[in-house]
Amino acid sequence: MTPGPLRDPSRGPAPVVPPPPARTSPRGDAQAADPASSTHAAGTPLAGRTVLVPRAPERAAGLAATLRDAGARVLVSPAIERARVEDAAPVDGAVARLAHGDFAWVVVTSVNAIDELVASAARQGVDLGDAGRRSRWAAVGPATRRALEAVGIQVDLEPTENSARGLVAAFAALPPADQGSTSAGHGSTSADQGSISRGRGLVLLPQGDLAAPTMHDGLHDLGYVPHVVTVYRTVTHALAPEVLAAWHAGELDAVVLTSGSVAREVARQLGPRADVAGVAIGDPTARAARAVGLRLDAVAERPTDPALAAALITVLSGDPAAPQAADPTDAADPTDEGDPS
C-alpha cells in the first residue's frame, strides 16, 4: 500500500468525498446511497450517525466503506497532507550510502517515507530493493511492512505494538546475534564508522519533519548510531467547507483521529466539541488529542481499519459488547506513522 500523489496546497480544500451513488436492485428500484435512509438495512449499528474521517480519500477509502456498511454517513476530508522536502540532497545522500552498505538497519515508521526513498533511488538510477539488500529493515506496522515488500524489501523486524515505542522495545528484545547487520563492516568509509565498532551499527531513520525523537533516542540508548534524514514534510490542509458547516451545526457524532498531527489540526480548524466522540488510532494520537482539548472516547486495539470501525461501533452504539470487526492480514493499516511519539 502506498499513499497517493501529492496534492498542491494552493488548490484549497479538497471536496468532501460523497457516498457511493445509488444503485439499482434486481427489481429495478433505486437504492439510496445515504446509509441513514430508510432503504438501508434496519439493524446497522451506526444508522443515523455521522462520522468525520479527516484523511486523504485514498487513505480513508477502506474505513469509510466499512462505516457506511454499518449505516453511518461518512465525511472524508484531509486535515494534513504530505509535501516534499525542499532540499533532496540529504535524502539522495542517504540512499547512496544505503546502496554502499553503510547502514546496519533501516527503520521505517511511515508509509509516506517509502515513496520518498523509492523516488530518491530512481533519481540515482537504482532500484530501492536492490539498494537496500545489504541492510536489515524494520517496519513499525503491517501497512509499512506491506509497502516495503511491494518494492522488494524484506522486513526483518515488526513490533507487536505498532508504535515507535513498540519498535524500540522490539530492538531491545533482539538476541545479540541479531542486533547488528550482516552487512556491517563491508569496507564502508562513512564518517560514522568509528562509532559502529563501539555500538550496534549505524541505523538510517527516514522520517517526516514532525516525527518525535522517540525512535532516535531509544536506539541511541540501546547503543545504535541513529542517522535521521527528513524525507517529507507534513503540511496543513484546510478541511472542506461542508465539514466546517456540519461541525458547527452539531451534525457530527464522531471523528476518527489517525495521528497527532490530525488531532492538532482538527482542534485548530474546528475547535473542541463536547458532543463529538473521538476515536484514536493509538496511544500517541490519544495523548495528542487530550493535549489539545479534544474529547476522546476510545483507542483502537490495533492501528487498522477494522479495529477503528469496531471502536467507533462500540462508542456510538453504546453497547460495550458490540461485535469486533474482522482483522484480516490484508486489512488496511491507516496509521500516519510519520508523527509517532
C-alpha atoms as a PDB file:
ATOM      1  CA  MET A   1       0.000   0.000   0.000  1.00  0.00           C
ATOM      2  CA  THR A   2       1.330   3.391  -0.938  1.00  0.00           C
ATOM      3  CA  PRO A   3      -0.135   6.837  -0.458  1.00  0.00           C
ATOM      4  CA  GLY A   4      -1.495   8.694  -3.456  1.00  0.00           C
ATOM      5  CA  PRO A   5       0.118  11.594  -5.282  1.00  0.00           C
ATOM      6  CA  LEU A   6       0.841  14.827  -3.510  1.00  0.00           C
ATOM      7  CA  ARG A   7      -1.821  17.477  -3.643  1.00  0.00           C
ATOM      8  CA  ASP A   8      -0.852  21.099  -4.193  1.00  0.00           C
ATOM      9  CA  PRO A   9      -1.936  23.039  -1.051  1.00  0.00           C
ATOM     10  CA  SER A  10      -2.637  26.089  -3.232  1.00  0.00           C
ATOM     11  CA  ARG A  11      -5.625  24.281  -4.686  1.00  0.00           C
ATOM     12  CA  GLY A  12      -7.510  24.869  -1.459  1.00  0.00           C
ATOM     13  CA  PRO A  13      -9.758  22.434   0.394  1.00  0.00           C
ATOM     14  CA  ALA A  14     -10.349  19.013  -1.042  1.00  0.00           C
ATOM     15  CA  PRO A  15     -14.017  18.278  -1.651  1.00  0.00           C
ATOM     16  CA  VAL A  16     -15.828  16.028   0.755  1.00  0.00           C
ATOM     17  CA  VAL A  17     -15.957  12.564  -0.758  1.00  0.00           C
ATOM     18  CA  PRO A  18     -19.608  11.714  -1.351  1.00  0.00           C
ATOM     19  CA  PRO A  19     -21.157   8.358  -0.522  1.00  0.00           C
ATOM     20  CA  PRO A  20     -21.390   5.782  -3.316  1.00  0.00           C
ATOM     21  CA  PRO A  21     -24.017   6.533  -5.973  1.00  0.00           C
ATOM     22  CA  ALA A  22     -27.455   4.998  -5.886  1.00  0.00           C
ATOM     23  CA  ARG A  23     -27.634   1.511  -7.301  1.00  0.00           C
ATOM     24  CA  THR A  24     -30.463  -0.465  -8.858  1.00  0.00           C
ATOM     25  CA  SER A  25     -31.797  -3.639  -7.298  1.00  0.00           C
ATOM     26  CA  PRO A  26     -32.779  -6.689  -9.333  1.00  0.00           C
ATOM     27  CA  ARG A  27     -36.369  -5.454  -9.154  1.00  0.00           C
ATOM     28  CA  GLY A  28     -35.320  -2.214 -10.844  1.00  0.00           C
ATOM     29  CA  ASP A  29     -35.943   0.128  -7.907  1.00  0.00           C
ATOM     30  CA  ALA A  30     -33.196   2.552  -6.861  1.00  0.00           C
ATOM     31  CA  GLN A  31     -31.413   2.036  -3.522  1.00  0.00           C
ATOM     32  CA  ALA A  32     -30.322   5.310  -1.918  1.00  0.00           C
ATOM     33  CA  ALA A  33     -26.617   5.634  -1.096  1.00  0.00           C
ATOM     34  CA  ASP A  34     -27.358   7.558   2.104  1.00  0.00           C
ATOM     35  CA  PRO A  35     -26.915   4.927   4.847  1.00  0.00           C
ATOM     36  CA  ALA A  36     -29.187   6.860   7.186  1.00  0.00           C
ATOM     37  CA  SER A  37     -32.124   6.487   4.791  1.00  0.00           C
ATOM     38  CA  SER A  38     -34.915   4.007   5.305  1.00  0.00           C
ATOM     39  CA  THR A  39     -33.662   1.806   2.469  1.00  0.00           C
ATOM     40  CA  HIS A  40     -30.529   0.923   4.413  1.00  0.00           C
ATOM     41  CA  ALA A  41     -30.555  -2.239   6.500  1.00  0.00           C
ATOM     42  CA  ALA A  42     -32.519  -1.509   9.649  1.00  0.00           C
ATOM     43  CA  GLY A  43     -30.198  -3.199  12.126  1.00  0.00           C
ATOM     44  CA  THR A  44     -26.994  -1.387  11.214  1.00  0.00           C
ATOM     45  CA  PRO A  45     -25.273  -0.178  14.398  1.00  0.00           C
ATOM     46  CA  LEU A  46     -24.318   3.260  13.030  1.00  0.00           C
ATOM     47  CA  ALA A  47     -27.603   4.096  11.311  1.00  0.00           C
ATOM     48  CA  GLY A  48     -28.326   7.814  11.626  1.00  0.00           C
ATOM     49  CA  ARG A  49     -24.774   8.615  12.771  1.00  0.00           C
ATOM     50  CA  THR A  50     -22.356  10.972  11.015  1.00  0.00           C
ATOM     51  CA  VAL A  51     -18.611  10.346  11.265  1.00  0.00           C
ATOM     52  CA  LEU A  52     -15.741  12.576  10.134  1.00  0.00           C
ATOM     53  CA  VAL A  53     -12.651  10.843   8.742  1.00  0.00           C
ATOM     54  CA  PRO A  54     -10.099  13.653   8.242  1.00  0.00           C
ATOM     55  CA  ARG A  55      -7.787  11.792   5.884  1.00  0.00           C
ATOM     56  CA  ALA A  56      -6.933  11.812   2.204  1.00  0.00           C
ATOM     57  CA  PRO A  57      -9.621   9.960   0.228  1.00  0.00           C
ATOM     58  CA  GLU A  58      -7.301   7.167  -0.911  1.00  0.00           C
ATOM     59  CA  ARG A  59      -6.182   6.505   2.657  1.00  0.00           C
ATOM     60  CA  ALA A  60      -9.716   6.760   4.057  1.00  0.00           C
ATOM     61  CA  ALA A  61     -11.465   4.588   1.479  1.00  0.00           C
ATOM     62  CA  GLY A  62     -11.402   1.288   3.364  1.00  0.00           C
ATOM     63  CA  LEU A  63     -12.561   2.689   6.698  1.00  0.00           C
ATOM     64  CA  ALA A  64     -15.197   4.889   5.060  1.00  0.00           C
ATOM     65  CA  ALA A  65     -16.660   1.895   3.219  1.00  0.00           C
ATOM     66  CA  THR A  66     -16.804  -0.145   6.430  1.00  0.00           C
ATOM     67  CA  LEU A  67     -18.534   2.655   8.316  1.00  0.00           C
ATOM     68  CA  ARG A  68     -21.048   3.186   5.514  1.00  0.00           C
ATOM     69  CA  ASP A  69     -21.803  -0.521   5.517  1.00  0.00           C
ATOM     70  CA  ALA A  70     -22.525  -0.134   9.244  1.00  0.00           C
ATOM     71  CA  GLY A  71     -25.060   2.582   8.443  1.00  0.00           C
ATOM     72  CA  ALA A  72     -23.068   5.760   9.002  1.00  0.00           C
ATOM     73  CA  ARG A  73     -22.948   8.892   6.936  1.00  0.00           C
ATOM     74  CA  VAL A  74     -19.210   9.487   6.418  1.00  0.00           C
ATOM     75  CA  LEU A  75     -17.489  12.772   5.613  1.00  0.00           C
ATOM     76  CA  VAL A  76     -13.953  12.392   4.243  1.00  0.00           C
ATOM     77  CA  SER A  77     -11.725  15.458   4.093  1.00  0.00           C
ATOM     78  CA  PRO A  78      -7.968  15.613   4.820  1.00  0.00           C
ATOM     79  CA  ALA A  79      -6.654  17.825   7.616  1.00  0.00           C
ATOM     80  CA  ILE A  80      -2.987  17.321   6.713  1.00  0.00           C
ATOM     81  CA  GLU A  81      -1.038  16.236   3.663  1.00  0.00           C
ATOM     82  CA  ARG A  82       2.444  15.239   2.678  1.00  0.00           C
ATOM     83  CA  ALA A  83       4.808  17.597   0.873  1.00  0.00           C
ATOM     84  CA  ARG A  84       8.292  17.027  -0.499  1.00  0.00           C
ATOM     85  CA  VAL A  85      11.317  18.421   1.270  1.00  0.00           C
ATOM     86  CA  GLU A  86      12.822  21.494  -0.360  1.00  0.00           C
ATOM     87  CA  ASP A  87      16.340  20.035  -0.462  1.00  0.00           C
ATOM     88  CA  ALA A  88      16.545  16.428  -1.631  1.00  0.00           C
ATOM     89  CA  ALA A  89      20.338  16.205  -1.267  1.00  0.00           C
ATOM     90  CA  PRO A  90      20.278  14.640   2.249  1.00  0.00           C
ATOM     91  CA  VAL A  91      17.759  12.011   1.119  1.00  0.00           C
ATOM     92  CA  ASP A  92      19.763  11.198  -2.002  1.00  0.00           C
ATOM     93  CA  GLY A  93      22.938  11.013   0.040  1.00  0.00           C
ATOM     94  CA  ALA A  94      21.362   8.582   2.479  1.00  0.00           C
ATOM     95  CA  VAL A  95      20.137   6.318  -0.333  1.00  0.00           C
ATOM     96  CA  ALA A  96      23.598   6.368  -1.916  1.00  0.00           C
ATOM     97  CA  ARG A  97      25.085   5.290   1.422  1.00  0.00           C
ATOM     98  CA  LEU A  98      22.394   2.621   1.687  1.00  0.00           C
ATOM     99  CA  ALA A  99      23.467   1.169  -1.672  1.00  0.00           C
ATOM    100  CA  HIS A 100      27.080   1.254  -0.459  1.00  0.00           C
ATOM    101  CA  GLY A 101      26.165  -0.871   2.564  1.00  0.00           C
ATOM    102  CA  ASP A 102      26.781   1.768   5.235  1.00  0.00           C
ATOM    103  CA  PHE A 103      23.653   1.063   7.296  1.00  0.00           C
ATOM    104  CA  ALA A 104      23.167  -1.915   9.568  1.00  0.00           C
ATOM    105  CA  TRP A 105      19.432  -1.237   9.779  1.00  0.00           C
ATOM    106  CA  VAL A 106      16.827   0.954   8.102  1.00  0.00           C
ATOM    107  CA  VAL A 107      13.901   1.740  10.411  1.00  0.00           C
ATOM    108  CA  VAL A 108      10.720   2.902   8.673  1.00  0.00           C
ATOM    109  CA  THR A 109       7.965   4.443  10.784  1.00  0.00           C
ATOM    110  CA  SER A 110       5.863   5.881   7.950  1.00  0.00           C
ATOM    111  CA  VAL A 111       4.409   4.574   4.720  1.00  0.00           C
ATOM    112  CA  ASN A 112       5.000   8.069   3.359  1.00  0.00           C
ATOM    113  CA  ALA A 113       8.757   7.697   3.784  1.00  0.00           C
ATOM    114  CA  ILE A 114       8.857   4.715   1.442  1.00  0.00           C
ATOM    115  CA  ASP A 115       7.641   6.716  -1.543  1.00  0.00           C
ATOM    116  CA  GLU A 116      10.390   9.259  -0.971  1.00  0.00           C
ATOM    117  CA  LEU A 117      13.085   6.587  -0.692  1.00  0.00           C
ATOM    118  CA  VAL A 118      11.834   4.982  -3.906  1.00  0.00           C
ATOM    119  CA  ALA A 119      11.866   8.358  -5.672  1.00  0.00           C
ATOM    120  CA  SER A 120      15.388   9.092  -4.459  1.00  0.00           C
ATOM    121  CA  ALA A 121      16.630   5.708  -5.661  1.00  0.00           C
ATOM    122  CA  ALA A 122      15.023   6.338  -9.060  1.00  0.00           C
ATOM    123  CA  ARG A 123      16.801   9.702  -9.347  1.00  0.00           C
ATOM    124  CA  GLN A 124      20.065   7.807  -8.937  1.00  0.00           C
ATOM    125  CA  GLY A 125      19.177   5.114 -11.427  1.00  0.00           C
ATOM    126  CA  VAL A 126      18.839   2.296  -8.917  1.00  0.00           C
ATOM    127  CA  ASP A 127      16.009   0.206  -7.501  1.00  0.00           C
ATOM    128  CA  LEU A 128      15.342   0.625  -3.792  1.00  0.00           C
ATOM    129  CA  GLY A 129      15.031  -3.121  -3.343  1.00  0.00           C
ATOM    130  CA  ASP A 130      18.497  -3.604  -4.800  1.00  0.00           C
ATOM    131  CA  ALA A 131      19.984  -0.647  -2.911  1.00  0.00           C
ATOM    132  CA  GLY A 132      18.679  -1.953   0.402  1.00  0.00           C
ATOM    133  CA  ARG A 133      19.736  -5.579   0.176  1.00  0.00           C
ATOM    134  CA  ARG A 134      22.846  -5.119   2.323  1.00  0.00           C
ATOM    135  CA  SER A 135      20.877  -3.722   5.269  1.00  0.00           C
ATOM    136  CA  ARG A 136      18.214  -5.145   7.552  1.00  0.00           C
ATOM    137  CA  TRP A 137      14.838  -3.422   7.656  1.00  0.00           C
ATOM    138  CA  ALA A 138      12.376  -2.744  10.444  1.00  0.00           C
ATOM    139  CA  ALA A 139       8.768  -1.601   9.920  1.00  0.00           C
ATOM    140  CA  VAL A 140       6.549  -0.053  12.568  1.00  0.00           C
ATOM    141  CA  GLY A 141       3.374  -1.790  11.422  1.00  0.00           C
ATOM    142  CA  PRO A 142       1.671  -4.016   8.855  1.00  0.00           C
ATOM    143  CA  ALA A 143       0.972  -1.243   6.331  1.00  0.00           C
ATOM    144  CA  THR A 144       4.607  -0.179   6.351  1.00  0.00           C
ATOM    145  CA  ARG A 145       5.730  -3.779   6.030  1.00  0.00           C
ATOM    146  CA  ARG A 146       3.434  -4.398   3.066  1.00  0.00           C
ATOM    147  CA  ALA A 147       4.567  -1.196   1.367  1.00  0.00           C
ATOM    148  CA  LEU A 148       8.210  -2.236   1.767  1.00  0.00           C
ATOM    149  CA  GLU A 149       7.515  -5.732   0.479  1.00  0.00           C
ATOM    150  CA  ALA A 150       5.778  -4.189  -2.539  1.00  0.00           C
ATOM    151  CA  VAL A 151       9.062  -2.547  -3.578  1.00  0.00           C
ATOM    152  CA  GLY A 152      11.169  -5.663  -2.990  1.00  0.00           C
ATOM    153  CA  ILE A 153      12.296  -5.098   0.602  1.00  0.00           C
ATOM    154  CA  GLN A 154      12.250  -7.979   3.071  1.00  0.00           C
ATOM    155  CA  VAL A 155      11.264  -6.812   6.544  1.00  0.00           C
ATOM    156  CA  ASP A 156      13.284  -8.363   9.370  1.00  0.00           C
ATOM    157  CA  LEU A 157      11.562  -6.761  12.360  1.00  0.00           C
ATOM    158  CA  GLU A 158       7.978  -5.674  13.071  1.00  0.00           C
ATOM    159  CA  PRO A 159       6.842  -4.969  16.650  1.00  0.00           C
ATOM    160  CA  THR A 160       3.758  -6.338  18.342  1.00  0.00           C
ATOM    161  CA  GLU A 161       2.891  -2.813  19.482  1.00  0.00           C
ATOM    162  CA  ASN A 162       2.731  -0.704  16.324  1.00  0.00           C
ATOM    163  CA  SER A 163       4.371   2.478  17.569  1.00  0.00           C
ATOM    164  CA  ALA A 164       7.820   3.985  17.875  1.00  0.00           C
ATOM    165  CA  ARG A 165       7.945   2.844  21.493  1.00  0.00           C
ATOM    166  CA  GLY A 166       6.962  -0.654  20.458  1.00  0.00           C
ATOM    167  CA  LEU A 167       9.663  -0.721  17.804  1.00  0.00           C
ATOM    168  CA  VAL A 168      12.321   0.410  20.291  1.00  0.00           C
ATOM    169  CA  ALA A 169      11.183  -2.385  22.613  1.00  0.00           C
ATOM    170  CA  ALA A 170      11.450  -4.876  19.740  1.00  0.00           C
ATOM    171  CA  PHE A 171      15.060  -3.802  19.130  1.00  0.00           C
ATOM    172  CA  ALA A 172      15.800  -4.142  22.834  1.00  0.00           C
ATOM    173  CA  ALA A 173      14.465  -7.706  22.767  1.00  0.00           C
ATOM    174  CA  LEU A 174      16.639  -8.832  19.849  1.00  0.00           C
ATOM    175  CA  PRO A 175      19.177 -11.541  20.690  1.00  0.00           C
ATOM    176  CA  PRO A 176      22.791 -10.356  20.402  1.00  0.00           C
ATOM    177  CA  ALA A 177      23.329 -12.173  17.109  1.00  0.00           C
ATOM    178  CA  ASP A 178      20.527 -10.147  15.502  1.00  0.00           C
ATOM    179  CA  GLN A 179      21.403  -6.716  16.832  1.00  0.00           C
ATOM    180  CA  GLY A 180      23.930  -5.903  14.150  1.00  0.00           C
ATOM    181  CA  SER A 181      23.732  -6.314  10.395  1.00  0.00           C
ATOM    182  CA  THR A 182      25.101  -8.940   8.107  1.00  0.00           C
ATOM    183  CA  SER A 183      26.311  -6.006   6.007  1.00  0.00           C
ATOM    184  CA  ALA A 184      28.093  -4.053   8.733  1.00  0.00           C
ATOM    185  CA  GLY A 185      31.816  -3.681   8.195  1.00  0.00           C
ATOM    186  CA  HIS A 186      31.777  -4.176   4.406  1.00  0.00           C
ATOM    187  CA  GLY A 187      34.554  -1.664   3.906  1.00  0.00           C
ATOM    188  CA  SER A 188      32.388   1.412   4.435  1.00  0.00           C
ATOM    189  CA  THR A 189      34.212   4.691   4.724  1.00  0.00           C
ATOM    190  CA  SER A 190      31.334   6.595   6.336  1.00  0.00           C
ATOM    191  CA  ALA A 191      32.084   9.226   8.947  1.00  0.00           C
ATOM    192  CA  ASP A 192      30.061   7.230  11.472  1.00  0.00           C
ATOM    193  CA  GLN A 193      32.051   4.027  11.048  1.00  0.00           C
ATOM    194  CA  GLY A 194      34.181   4.610  14.128  1.00  0.00           C
ATOM    195  CA  SER A 195      31.064   4.709  16.281  1.00  0.00           C
ATOM    196  CA  ILE A 196      29.770   1.466  14.767  1.00  0.00           C
ATOM    197  CA  SER A 197      32.664  -0.536  16.147  1.00  0.00           C
ATOM    198  CA  ARG A 198      31.716   0.571  19.665  1.00  0.00           C
ATOM    199  CA  GLY A 199      27.974   0.078  19.275  1.00  0.00           C
ATOM    200  CA  ARG A 200      25.442  -1.995  17.390  1.00  0.00           C
ATOM    201  CA  GLY A 201      25.568  -0.347  13.985  1.00  0.00           C
ATOM    202  CA  LEU A 202      24.542   2.710  12.038  1.00  0.00           C
ATOM    203  CA  VAL A 203      20.763   2.969  11.595  1.00  0.00           C
ATOM    204  CA  LEU A 204      19.007   5.018   8.914  1.00  0.00           C
ATOM    205  CA  LEU A 205      15.810   6.717  10.126  1.00  0.00           C
ATOM    206  CA  PRO A 206      13.897   8.225   7.172  1.00  0.00           C
ATOM    207  CA  GLN A 207      11.186  10.310   8.832  1.00  0.00           C
ATOM    208  CA  GLY A 208       8.763  13.172   8.439  1.00  0.00           C
ATOM    209  CA  ASP A 209       9.595  16.596   9.787  1.00  0.00           C
ATOM    210  CA  LEU A 210       7.168  16.208  12.709  1.00  0.00           C
ATOM    211  CA  ALA A 211       8.440  12.853  13.928  1.00  0.00           C
ATOM    212  CA  ALA A 212       9.102  12.804  17.656  1.00  0.00           C
ATOM    213  CA  PRO A 213      12.602  11.795  18.812  1.00  0.00           C
ATOM    214  CA  THR A 214      11.337   8.554  20.369  1.00  0.00           C
ATOM    215  CA  MET A 215      12.916   6.286  17.768  1.00  0.00           C
ATOM    216  CA  HIS A 216      16.218   8.169  17.660  1.00  0.00           C
ATOM    217  CA  ASP A 217      16.587   8.386  21.408  1.00  0.00           C
ATOM    218  CA  GLY A 218      15.551   4.796  22.025  1.00  0.00           C
ATOM    219  CA  LEU A 219      18.022   3.369  19.534  1.00  0.00           C
ATOM    220  CA  HIS A 220      20.775   5.645  20.811  1.00  0.00           C
ATOM    221  CA  ASP A 221      20.188   4.413  24.347  1.00  0.00           C
ATOM    222  CA  LEU A 222      20.481   0.827  23.086  1.00  0.00           C
ATOM    223  CA  GLY A 223      23.913   1.523  21.602  1.00  0.00           C
ATOM    224  CA  TYR A 224      22.987   2.077  17.976  1.00  0.00           C
ATOM    225  CA  VAL A 225      24.062   5.119  15.947  1.00  0.00           C
ATOM    226  CA  PRO A 226      20.880   6.701  14.518  1.00  0.00           C
ATOM    227  CA  HIS A 227      21.136   8.751  11.329  1.00  0.00           C
ATOM    228  CA  VAL A 228      17.925  10.781  10.889  1.00  0.00           C
ATOM    229  CA  VAL A 229      17.009  12.074   7.435  1.00  0.00           C
ATOM    230  CA  THR A 230      13.875  14.151   6.881  1.00  0.00           C
ATOM    231  CA  VAL A 231      12.322  12.747   3.717  1.00  0.00           C
ATOM    232  CA  TYR A 232       8.960  14.544   3.677  1.00  0.00           C
ATOM    233  CA  ARG A 233       7.064  17.375   5.340  1.00  0.00           C
ATOM    234  CA  THR A 234       3.603  17.361   6.899  1.00  0.00           C
ATOM    235  CA  VAL A 235       1.598  20.438   5.963  1.00  0.00           C
ATOM    236  CA  THR A 236      -1.809  21.749   6.910  1.00  0.00           C
ATOM    237  CA  HIS A 237      -4.730  21.065   4.613  1.00  0.00           C
ATOM    238  CA  ALA A 238      -7.899  23.109   5.001  1.00  0.00           C
ATOM    239  CA  LEU A 239     -10.912  20.976   5.829  1.00  0.00           C
ATOM    240  CA  ALA A 240     -13.749  21.252   3.323  1.00  0.00           C
ATOM    241  CA  PRO A 241     -16.435  23.898   3.967  1.00  0.00           C
ATOM    242  CA  GLU A 242     -19.057  21.128   4.245  1.00  0.00           C
ATOM    243  CA  VAL A 243     -17.134  19.691   7.178  1.00  0.00           C
ATOM    244  CA  LEU A 244     -16.912  23.026   8.965  1.00  0.00           C
ATOM    245  CA  ALA A 245     -20.646  23.578   8.461  1.00  0.00           C
ATOM    246  CA  ALA A 246     -21.538  20.117   9.760  1.00  0.00           C
ATOM    247  CA  TRP A 247     -19.243  20.503  12.771  1.00  0.00           C
ATOM    248  CA  HIS A 248     -20.621  23.870  13.838  1.00  0.00           C
ATOM    249  CA  ALA A 249     -24.207  22.786  13.184  1.00  0.00           C
ATOM    250  CA  GLY A 250     -23.786  19.860  15.584  1.00  0.00           C
ATOM    251  CA  GLU A 251     -24.394  17.260  12.873  1.00  0.00           C
ATOM    252  CA  LEU A 252     -21.308  15.166  13.613  1.00  0.00           C
ATOM    253  CA  ASP A 253     -21.368  12.309  16.107  1.00  0.00           C
ATOM    254  CA  ALA A 254     -17.718  11.222  15.965  1.00  0.00           C
ATOM    255  CA  VAL A 255     -14.323  11.989  14.495  1.00  0.00           C
ATOM    256  CA  VAL A 256     -11.548   9.500  13.721  1.00  0.00           C
ATOM    257  CA  LEU A 257      -8.075  10.680  14.765  1.00  0.00           C
ATOM    258  CA  THR A 258      -5.266   8.907  12.930  1.00  0.00           C
ATOM    259  CA  SER A 259      -2.200  10.850  14.073  1.00  0.00           C
ATOM    260  CA  GLY A 260      -1.146  13.545  16.479  1.00  0.00           C
ATOM    261  CA  SER A 261      -0.922  15.943  13.550  1.00  0.00           C
ATOM    262  CA  VAL A 262      -4.526  15.205  12.573  1.00  0.00           C
ATOM    263  CA  ALA A 263      -5.698  15.714  16.151  1.00  0.00           C
ATOM    264  CA  ARG A 264      -3.955  19.073  16.373  1.00  0.00           C
ATOM    265  CA  GLU A 265      -5.402  20.226  13.050  1.00  0.00           C
ATOM    266  CA  VAL A 266      -8.931  19.143  13.969  1.00  0.00           C
ATOM    267  CA  ALA A 267      -8.654  21.148  17.174  1.00  0.00           C
ATOM    268  CA  ARG A 268      -7.167  24.158  15.373  1.00  0.00           C
ATOM    269  CA  GLN A 269      -9.562  24.242  12.443  1.00  0.00           C
ATOM    270  CA  LEU A 270     -12.757  23.111  14.145  1.00  0.00           C
ATOM    271  CA  GLY A 271     -12.287  23.604  17.869  1.00  0.00           C
ATOM    272  CA  PRO A 272     -13.245  21.073  20.558  1.00  0.00           C
ATOM    273  CA  ARG A 273     -16.845  19.951  20.922  1.00  0.00           C
ATOM    274  CA  ALA A 274     -18.054  18.044  23.974  1.00  0.00           C
ATOM    275  CA  ASP A 275     -20.794  16.347  21.926  1.00  0.00           C
ATOM    276  CA  VAL A 276     -18.470  14.819  19.292  1.00  0.00           C
ATOM    277  CA  ALA A 277     -16.923  11.482  20.254  1.00  0.00           C
ATOM    278  CA  GLY A 278     -13.272  10.939  19.417  1.00  0.00           C
ATOM    279  CA  VAL A 279     -11.660   7.628  18.490  1.00  0.00           C
ATOM    280  CA  ALA A 280      -7.857   7.500  18.238  1.00  0.00           C
ATOM    281  CA  ILE A 281      -5.764   5.061  16.242  1.00  0.00           C
ATOM    282  CA  GLY A 282      -3.214   4.606  19.033  1.00  0.00           C
ATOM    283  CA  ASP A 283      -1.928   5.895  22.345  1.00  0.00           C
ATOM    284  CA  PRO A 284       0.386   8.602  20.863  1.00  0.00           C
ATOM    285  CA  THR A 285      -2.564  10.054  18.970  1.00  0.00           C
ATOM    286  CA  ALA A 286      -4.738   9.819  22.074  1.00  0.00           C
ATOM    287  CA  ARG A 287      -2.199  11.796  24.087  1.00  0.00           C
ATOM    288  CA  ALA A 288      -2.066  14.463  21.381  1.00  0.00           C
ATOM    289  CA  ALA A 289      -5.871  14.681  21.298  1.00  0.00           C
ATOM    290  CA  ARG A 290      -6.120  15.156  25.040  1.00  0.00           C
ATOM    291  CA  ALA A 291      -3.374  17.767  24.958  1.00  0.00           C
ATOM    292  CA  VAL A 292      -5.390  19.961  22.583  1.00  0.00           C
ATOM    293  CA  GLY A 293      -8.672  19.521  24.433  1.00  0.00           C
ATOM    294  CA  LEU A 294     -10.472  17.102  22.113  1.00  0.00           C
ATOM    295  CA  ARG A 295     -12.945  14.653  23.574  1.00  0.00           C
ATOM    296  CA  LEU A 296     -11.565  11.126  23.485  1.00  0.00           C
ATOM    297  CA  ASP A 297     -13.792   8.082  23.956  1.00  0.00           C
ATOM    298  CA  ALA A 298     -11.723   5.147  22.748  1.00  0.00           C
ATOM    299  CA  VAL A 299      -8.407   3.971  21.357  1.00  0.00           C
ATOM    300  CA  ALA A 300      -8.422   1.267  18.684  1.00  0.00           C
ATOM    301  CA  GLU A 301      -6.967  -2.047  19.798  1.00  0.00           C
ATOM    302  CA  ARG A 302      -4.788  -2.090  16.681  1.00  0.00           C
ATOM    303  CA  PRO A 303      -3.924   0.576  14.093  1.00  0.00           C
ATOM    304  CA  THR A 304      -6.144  -0.960  11.418  1.00  0.00           C
ATOM    305  CA  ASP A 305      -9.376  -0.040   9.682  1.00  0.00           C
ATOM    306  CA  PRO A 306     -11.342  -2.945  11.232  1.00  0.00           C
ATOM    307  CA  ALA A 307     -10.161  -2.026  14.737  1.00  0.00           C
ATOM    308  CA  LEU A 308     -11.075   1.633  14.232  1.00  0.00           C
ATOM    309  CA  ALA A 309     -14.503   0.639  12.943  1.00  0.00           C
ATOM    310  CA  ALA A 310     -15.045  -1.687  15.896  1.00  0.00           C
ATOM    311  CA  ALA A 311     -14.115   1.075  18.342  1.00  0.00           C
ATOM    312  CA  LEU A 312     -16.497   3.515  16.663  1.00  0.00           C
ATOM    313  CA  ILE A 313     -19.348   0.988  16.740  1.00  0.00           C
ATOM    314  CA  THR A 314     -18.745   0.348  20.420  1.00  0.00           C
ATOM    315  CA  VAL A 315     -18.680   4.062  21.245  1.00  0.00           C
ATOM    316  CA  LEU A 316     -21.634   5.132  19.112  1.00  0.00           C
ATOM    317  CA  SER A 317     -23.879   2.129  19.687  1.00  0.00           C
ATOM    318  CA  GLY A 318     -23.454   2.356  23.441  1.00  0.00           C
ATOM    319  CA  ASP A 319     -23.009  -1.404  23.501  1.00  0.00           C
ATOM    320  CA  PRO A 320     -19.739  -2.499  25.132  1.00  0.00           C
ATOM    321  CA  ALA A 321     -20.396  -5.986  23.804  1.00  0.00           C
ATOM    322  CA  ALA A 322     -20.656  -4.811  20.195  1.00  0.00           C
ATOM    323  CA  PRO A 323     -19.079  -7.414  17.895  1.00  0.00           C
ATOM    324  CA  GLN A 324     -15.458  -6.817  16.922  1.00  0.00           C
ATOM    325  CA  ALA A 325     -14.794  -6.339  13.229  1.00  0.00           C
ATOM    326  CA  ALA A 326     -12.682  -8.938  11.497  1.00  0.00           C
ATOM    327  CA  ASP A 327      -8.985  -8.067  11.243  1.00  0.00           C
ATOM    328  CA  PRO A 328      -7.642  -9.939   8.203  1.00  0.00           C
ATOM    329  CA  THR A 329      -3.956  -9.846   7.380  1.00  0.00           C
ATOM    330  CA  ASP A 330      -4.604  -7.736   4.302  1.00  0.00           C
ATOM    331  CA  ALA A 331      -6.655  -5.107   6.153  1.00  0.00           C
ATOM    332  CA  ALA A 332      -5.587  -1.539   5.536  1.00  0.00           C
ATOM    333  CA  ASP A 333      -3.375  -0.135   8.253  1.00  0.00           C
ATOM    334  CA  PRO A 334      -4.244   3.564   8.362  1.00  0.00           C
ATOM    335  CA  THR A 335      -1.532   4.639  10.725  1.00  0.00           C
ATOM    336  CA  ASP A 336       0.029   8.008   9.990  1.00  0.00           C
ATOM    337  CA  GLU A 337       3.300   6.699  11.336  1.00  0.00           C
ATOM    338  CA  GLY A 338       5.326   9.760  10.442  1.00  0.00           C
ATOM    339  CA  ASP A 339       4.272  11.509  13.622  1.00  0.00           C
ATOM    340  CA  PRO A 340       4.962   8.972  16.373  1.00  0.00           C
ATOM    341  CA  SER A 341       5.524   9.983  19.976  1.00  0.00           C
END
